[in-house]
C-alpha atoms as a PDB file:
ATOM      1  CA  MET A   1     -38.838  13.396   7.741  1.00  0.00           C
ATOM      2  CA  LYS A   2     -39.421  13.985   4.060  1.00  0.00           C
ATOM      3  CA  GLU A   3     -39.259  11.063   1.655  1.00  0.00           C
ATOM      4  CA  SER A   4     -36.540  12.813  -0.422  1.00  0.00           C
ATOM      5  CA  THR A   5     -34.370  13.284   2.705  1.00  0.00           C
ATOM      6  CA  LYS A   6     -34.716   9.575   3.566  1.00  0.00           C
ATOM      7  CA  LYS A   7     -33.672   8.604   0.043  1.00  0.00           C
ATOM      8  CA  GLU A   8     -30.688  10.939   0.255  1.00  0.00           C
ATOM      9  CA  ILE A   9     -29.565   9.438   3.596  1.00  0.00           C
ATOM     10  CA  ILE A  10     -30.018   5.888   2.280  1.00  0.00           C
ATOM     11  CA  SER A  11     -27.992   6.799  -0.812  1.00  0.00           C
ATOM     12  CA  TRP A  12     -25.155   8.163   1.347  1.00  0.00           C
ATOM     13  CA  VAL A  13     -25.189   5.110   3.636  1.00  0.00           C
ATOM     14  CA  LYS A  14     -25.050   2.755   0.626  1.00  0.00           C
ATOM     15  CA  SER A  15     -22.139   4.702  -0.836  1.00  0.00           C
ATOM     16  CA  LEU A  16     -20.291   4.696   2.479  1.00  0.00           C
ATOM     17  CA  VAL A  17     -20.823   0.949   3.012  1.00  0.00           C
ATOM     18  CA  PHE A  18     -19.676   0.240  -0.566  1.00  0.00           C
ATOM     19  CA  ALA A  19     -16.536   2.366  -0.043  1.00  0.00           C
ATOM     20  CA  ILE A  20     -15.708   0.559   3.211  1.00  0.00           C
ATOM     21  CA  ILE A  21     -16.160  -2.858   1.614  1.00  0.00           C
ATOM     22  CA  LEU A  22     -14.067  -1.826  -1.412  1.00  0.00           C
ATOM     23  CA  ALA A  23     -11.274  -0.490   0.851  1.00  0.00           C
ATOM     24  CA  PHE A  24     -11.333  -3.707   2.918  1.00  0.00           C
ATOM     25  CA  VAL A  25     -11.132  -5.939  -0.168  1.00  0.00           C
ATOM     26  CA  CYS A  26      -8.303  -3.880  -1.694  1.00  0.00           C
ATOM     27  CA  ARG A  27      -6.325  -3.914   1.553  1.00  0.00           C
ATOM     28  CA  GLN A  28      -6.828  -7.643   2.104  1.00  0.00           C
ATOM     29  CA  PHE A  29      -6.033  -8.818  -1.414  1.00  0.00           C
ATOM     30  CA  PHE A  30      -4.232  -6.147  -3.455  1.00  0.00           C
ATOM     31  CA  PHE A  31      -2.221  -3.602  -1.463  1.00  0.00           C
ATOM     32  CA  SER A  32      -1.577  -2.481   2.085  1.00  0.00           C
ATOM     33  CA  PRO A  33       0.296   0.263   3.959  1.00  0.00           C
ATOM     34  CA  ILE A  34       3.199  -0.891   6.144  1.00  0.00           C
ATOM     35  CA  THR A  35       5.521   0.966   8.514  1.00  0.00           C
ATOM     36  CA  VAL A  36       9.208   0.046   8.444  1.00  0.00           C
ATOM     37  CA  PHE A  37      10.692  -0.683  11.860  1.00  0.00           C
ATOM     38  CA  GLY A  38      14.431  -0.940  12.392  1.00  0.00           C
ATOM     39  CA  GLU A  39      17.572  -0.095  10.481  1.00  0.00           C
ATOM     40  CA  SER A  40      18.200  -3.373   8.634  1.00  0.00           C
ATOM     41  CA  MET A  41      17.328  -1.874   5.222  1.00  0.00           C
ATOM     42  CA  SER A  42      19.165   1.428   5.717  1.00  0.00           C
ATOM     43  CA  PRO A  43      19.789   3.527   3.677  1.00  0.00           C
ATOM     44  CA  SER A  44      17.200   2.175   1.192  1.00  0.00           C
ATOM     45  CA  PHE A  45      14.476   2.369   3.849  1.00  0.00           C
ATOM     46  CA  GLN A  46      14.714   4.036   7.239  1.00  0.00           C
ATOM     47  CA  ASP A  47      13.048   3.334  10.572  1.00  0.00           C
ATOM     48  CA  HIS A  48       9.426   4.615  10.472  1.00  0.00           C
ATOM     49  CA  ASP A  49       9.244   4.992   6.686  1.00  0.00           C
ATOM     50  CA  LYS A  50       5.725   4.272   5.479  1.00  0.00           C
ATOM     51  CA  VAL A  51       5.396   2.184   2.321  1.00  0.00           C
ATOM     52  CA  ILE A  52       2.698   0.570   0.203  1.00  0.00           C
ATOM     53  CA  ILE A  53       3.113  -3.098  -0.631  1.00  0.00           C
ATOM     54  CA  SER A  54       1.569  -4.978  -3.535  1.00  0.00           C
ATOM     55  CA  LYS A  55       0.114  -8.330  -2.580  1.00  0.00           C
ATOM     56  CA  THR A  56      -0.174  -9.477  -6.200  1.00  0.00           C
ATOM     57  CA  SER A  57       3.418  -9.008  -7.404  1.00  0.00           C
ATOM     58  CA  LYS A  58       5.473 -11.862  -8.770  1.00  0.00           C
ATOM     59  CA  ILE A  59       8.543 -11.895  -6.513  1.00  0.00           C
ATOM     60  CA  GLN A  60      11.839 -11.516  -8.360  1.00  0.00           C
ATOM     61  CA  ARG A  61      15.473 -11.400  -7.306  1.00  0.00           C
ATOM     62  CA  PHE A  62      16.445  -8.128  -5.567  1.00  0.00           C
ATOM     63  CA  ASP A  63      12.816  -7.117  -4.882  1.00  0.00           C
ATOM     64  CA  VAL A  64      12.219  -5.681  -1.423  1.00  0.00           C
ATOM     65  CA  ILE A  65       9.520  -7.646   0.357  1.00  0.00           C
ATOM     66  CA  VAL A  66       7.643  -7.631   3.647  1.00  0.00           C
ATOM     67  CA  PHE A  67       7.044 -11.008   5.287  1.00  0.00           C
ATOM     68  CA  ASP A  68       5.986 -12.555   8.579  1.00  0.00           C
ATOM     69  CA  ALA A  69       8.980 -12.766  10.881  1.00  0.00           C
ATOM     70  CA  PRO A  70       9.927 -16.436  11.278  1.00  0.00           C
ATOM     71  CA  ASP A  71      11.343 -15.884  14.763  1.00  0.00           C
ATOM     72  CA  ILE A  72       8.928 -13.369  16.372  1.00  0.00           C
ATOM     73  CA  GLU A  73       5.169 -13.881  16.458  1.00  0.00           C
ATOM     74  CA  ASN A  74       2.991 -11.079  15.014  1.00  0.00           C
ATOM     75  CA  GLU A  75       5.996  -9.171  13.614  1.00  0.00           C
ATOM     76  CA  HIS A  76       6.981  -8.382  10.032  1.00  0.00           C
ATOM     77  CA  TYR A  77      10.398  -7.956   8.439  1.00  0.00           C
ATOM     78  CA  ILE A  78      11.382  -5.990   5.355  1.00  0.00           C
ATOM     79  CA  LYS A  79      14.303  -7.465   3.406  1.00  0.00           C
ATOM     80  CA  ARG A  80      15.699  -7.838  -0.107  1.00  0.00           C
ATOM     81  CA  VAL A  81      15.230 -11.116  -1.996  1.00  0.00           C
ATOM     82  CA  ILE A  82      18.661 -12.508  -2.827  1.00  0.00           C
ATOM     83  CA  GLY A  83      17.936 -16.138  -3.644  1.00  0.00           C
ATOM     84  CA  LEU A  84      15.016 -17.691  -5.510  1.00  0.00           C
ATOM     85  CA  PRO A  85      14.143 -21.403  -5.724  1.00  0.00           C
ATOM     86  CA  GLY A  86      16.960 -23.323  -7.420  1.00  0.00           C
ATOM     87  CA  ASP A  87      19.644 -20.691  -6.710  1.00  0.00           C
ATOM     88  CA  SER A  88      22.978 -21.445  -5.101  1.00  0.00           C
ATOM     89  CA  ILE A  89      24.354 -18.500  -3.122  1.00  0.00           C
ATOM     90  CA  GLU A  90      27.819 -17.608  -1.951  1.00  0.00           C
ATOM     91  CA  MET A  91      29.370 -14.429  -0.561  1.00  0.00           C
ATOM     92  CA  LYS A  92      33.119 -14.184  -1.058  1.00  0.00           C
ATOM     93  CA  ASP A  93      35.266 -11.082  -0.434  1.00  0.00           C
ATOM     94  CA  ASP A  94      32.094  -8.943  -0.256  1.00  0.00           C
ATOM     95  CA  VAL A  95      30.939 -10.101  -3.706  1.00  0.00           C
ATOM     96  CA  LEU A  96      27.605 -11.879  -4.095  1.00  0.00           C
ATOM     97  CA  TYR A  97      27.629 -14.968  -6.300  1.00  0.00           C
ATOM     98  CA  ILE A  98      24.347 -16.483  -7.428  1.00  0.00           C
ATOM     99  CA  ASN A  99      24.652 -19.704  -9.397  1.00  0.00           C
ATOM    100  CA  GLY A 100      28.361 -18.963  -9.805  1.00  0.00           C
ATOM    101  CA  GLU A 101      27.780 -15.517 -11.366  1.00  0.00           C
ATOM    102  CA  ALA A 102      29.021 -12.361  -9.585  1.00  0.00           C
ATOM    103  CA  PHE A 103      26.339  -9.731  -9.010  1.00  0.00           C
ATOM    104  CA  ASN A 104      26.827  -6.035  -8.391  1.00  0.00           C
ATOM    105  CA  GLU A 105      24.746  -4.761  -5.465  1.00  0.00           C
ATOM    106  CA  PRO A 106      24.416  -0.992  -6.109  1.00  0.00           C
ATOM    107  CA  TYR A 107      22.011  -0.581  -3.171  1.00  0.00           C
ATOM    108  CA  LEU A 108      24.991  -1.286  -0.870  1.00  0.00           C
ATOM    109  CA  SER A 109      27.247   1.492  -2.230  1.00  0.00           C
ATOM    110  CA  GLU A 110      26.369   4.067   0.452  1.00  0.00           C
ATOM    111  CA  ASN A 111      26.930   1.542   3.239  1.00  0.00           C
ATOM    112  CA  ARG A 112      30.253   0.518   1.690  1.00  0.00           C
ATOM    113  CA  LYS A 113      31.637   4.055   1.665  1.00  0.00           C
ATOM    114  CA  ASP A 114      30.537   4.613   5.287  1.00  0.00           C
ATOM    115  CA  ASN A 115      32.011   1.321   6.523  1.00  0.00           C
ATOM    116  CA  PRO A 116      35.433   1.669   8.159  1.00  0.00           C
ATOM    117  CA  PHE A 117      35.607  -2.091   8.828  1.00  0.00           C
ATOM    118  CA  GLY A 118      36.101  -3.301   5.243  1.00  0.00           C
ATOM    119  CA  ASN A 119      33.622  -5.953   4.094  1.00  0.00           C
ATOM    120  CA  LEU A 120      29.923  -5.460   4.746  1.00  0.00           C
ATOM    121  CA  THR A 121      29.070  -9.115   4.443  1.00  0.00           C
ATOM    122  CA  GLY A 122      31.169 -11.919   5.800  1.00  0.00           C
ATOM    123  CA  ASP A 123      32.009 -14.842   3.559  1.00  0.00           C
ATOM    124  CA  PHE A 124      29.431 -17.634   3.582  1.00  0.00           C
ATOM    125  CA  SER A 125      27.694 -20.165   1.391  1.00  0.00           C
ATOM    126  CA  LEU A 126      24.030 -21.101   1.352  1.00  0.00           C
ATOM    127  CA  GLN A 127      24.974 -24.537   2.642  1.00  0.00           C
ATOM    128  CA  GLU A 128      26.852 -23.067   5.618  1.00  0.00           C
ATOM    129  CA  LYS A 129      23.862 -20.927   6.607  1.00  0.00           C
ATOM    130  CA  THR A 130      20.941 -23.259   5.807  1.00  0.00           C
ATOM    131  CA  GLY A 131      22.306 -26.747   5.209  1.00  0.00           C
ATOM    132  CA  LYS A 132      20.993 -26.601   1.612  1.00  0.00           C
ATOM    133  CA  THR A 133      23.084 -26.348  -1.558  1.00  0.00           C
ATOM    134  CA  LYS A 134      20.211 -24.666  -3.452  1.00  0.00           C
ATOM    135  CA  VAL A 135      17.211 -22.643  -2.348  1.00  0.00           C
ATOM    136  CA  PRO A 136      14.347 -25.179  -2.181  1.00  0.00           C
ATOM    137  CA  GLU A 137      11.041 -24.789  -4.039  1.00  0.00           C
ATOM    138  CA  ASN A 138       8.637 -22.295  -2.445  1.00  0.00           C
ATOM    139  CA  MET A 139      11.446 -20.753  -0.369  1.00  0.00           C
ATOM    140  CA  LEU A 140      13.469 -17.514  -0.530  1.00  0.00           C
ATOM    141  CA  PHE A 141      16.823 -16.351   0.815  1.00  0.00           C
ATOM    142  CA  VAL A 142      16.644 -12.714   1.996  1.00  0.00           C
ATOM    143  CA  MET A 143      19.115 -10.176   3.375  1.00  0.00           C
ATOM    144  CA  GLY A 144      18.893  -6.619   4.649  1.00  0.00           C
ATOM    145  CA  ASP A 145      20.830  -3.836   2.921  1.00  0.00           C
ATOM    146  CA  ASN A 146      22.430  -2.848   6.216  1.00  0.00           C
ATOM    147  CA  ARG A 147      24.411  -6.082   6.271  1.00  0.00           C
ATOM    148  CA  LEU A 148      26.287  -5.252   9.479  1.00  0.00           C
ATOM    149  CA  ASN A 149      22.986  -4.743  11.344  1.00  0.00           C
ATOM    150  CA  SER A 150      20.435  -7.104   9.833  1.00  0.00           C
ATOM    151  CA  LYS A 151      18.775 -10.219  11.145  1.00  0.00           C
ATOM    152  CA  ASP A 152      17.988 -12.098   7.934  1.00  0.00           C
ATOM    153  CA  SER A 153      18.319 -15.511   6.248  1.00  0.00           C
ATOM    154  CA  ARG A 154      21.907 -15.692   7.464  1.00  0.00           C
ATOM    155  CA  THR A 155      20.411 -15.873  10.974  1.00  0.00           C
ATOM    156  CA  PHE A 156      16.944 -17.414  10.715  1.00  0.00           C
ATOM    157  CA  GLY A 157      17.293 -19.357   7.465  1.00  0.00           C
ATOM    158  CA  LEU A 158      15.082 -19.515   4.410  1.00  0.00           C
ATOM    159  CA  ILE A 159      11.582 -18.061   4.347  1.00  0.00           C
ATOM    160  CA  SER A 160       8.522 -19.562   2.759  1.00  0.00           C
ATOM    161  CA  TYR A 161       6.607 -17.881  -0.067  1.00  0.00           C
ATOM    162  CA  ASP A 162       3.570 -18.339   2.202  1.00  0.00           C
ATOM    163  CA  ALA A 163       5.149 -15.927   4.714  1.00  0.00           C
ATOM    164  CA  VAL A 164       5.450 -13.135   2.104  1.00  0.00           C
ATOM    165  CA  ILE A 165       2.909 -10.366   2.620  1.00  0.00           C
ATOM    166  CA  GLY A 166       3.925  -8.328  -0.418  1.00  0.00           C
ATOM    167  CA  GLU A 167       6.500  -6.412  -2.420  1.00  0.00           C
ATOM    168  CA  VAL A 168       7.327  -2.814  -1.527  1.00  0.00           C
ATOM    169  CA  LYS A 169       6.155  -0.620  -4.398  1.00  0.00           C
ATOM    170  CA  PHE A 170       5.676   2.935  -3.127  1.00  0.00           C
ATOM    171  CA  ARG A 171       6.960   5.118  -0.294  1.00  0.00           C
ATOM    172  CA  ILE A 172       4.404   7.510   1.204  1.00  0.00           C
ATOM    173  CA  TYR A 173       6.481   8.857   4.096  1.00  0.00           C
ATOM    174  CA  PRO A 174       8.764  10.731   4.589  1.00  0.00           C
ATOM    175  CA  PHE A 175       7.289  13.206   2.144  1.00  0.00           C
ATOM    176  CA  ASP A 176      10.665  14.185   0.678  1.00  0.00           C
ATOM    177  CA  ALA A 177      11.079  10.578  -0.499  1.00  0.00           C
ATOM    178  CA  PHE A 178       7.436  10.215  -1.623  1.00  0.00           C
ATOM    179  CA  GLY A 179       7.100   8.147  -4.780  1.00  0.00           C
ATOM    180  CA  PRO A 180       7.945   4.772  -6.287  1.00  0.00           C
ATOM    181  CA  ALA A 181      10.196   2.717  -4.039  1.00  0.00           C
ATOM    182  CA  ASN A 182      13.387   2.696  -6.095  1.00  0.00           C
ATOM    183  CA  SER A 183      15.115   0.054  -4.092  1.00  0.00           C
END
């Protein structure tokens, strides 16, 4: 084999190894593709949607996050952050109150118009669901957008920041919804 051919092969192998290492580092520490399973975030996200999550985002109220399921080993949930550390939460007559202030939830409007039963979310307080009057430090209160069909903090309680894998930033499938995840 010619010396120039060997150099060319070595160059390609180095480039390929570098690309693999770079992809691994990016996926481990910066972003990752995730597939949505279930209907708990419908209509914002549907079963089998494919999304990209950012692992470096600062989590804020109403962000959609992916986290390790607290009740099923090796599973992930996708939910919306409702309560941050220090927040008190109450749902009354289908209105969300955080720290005593009413919040509009526009991401629920489609579910509201399709709901023949009235309220999407039953009345509750944070204390009734978790035994806490405020969300503790390093914890989050999350709920799915499909409130009538979502296992969330109302069921399994608060989740730890350590369980958060990342914030949903971009939808890559289905192709007709390709783009930033406007959730």
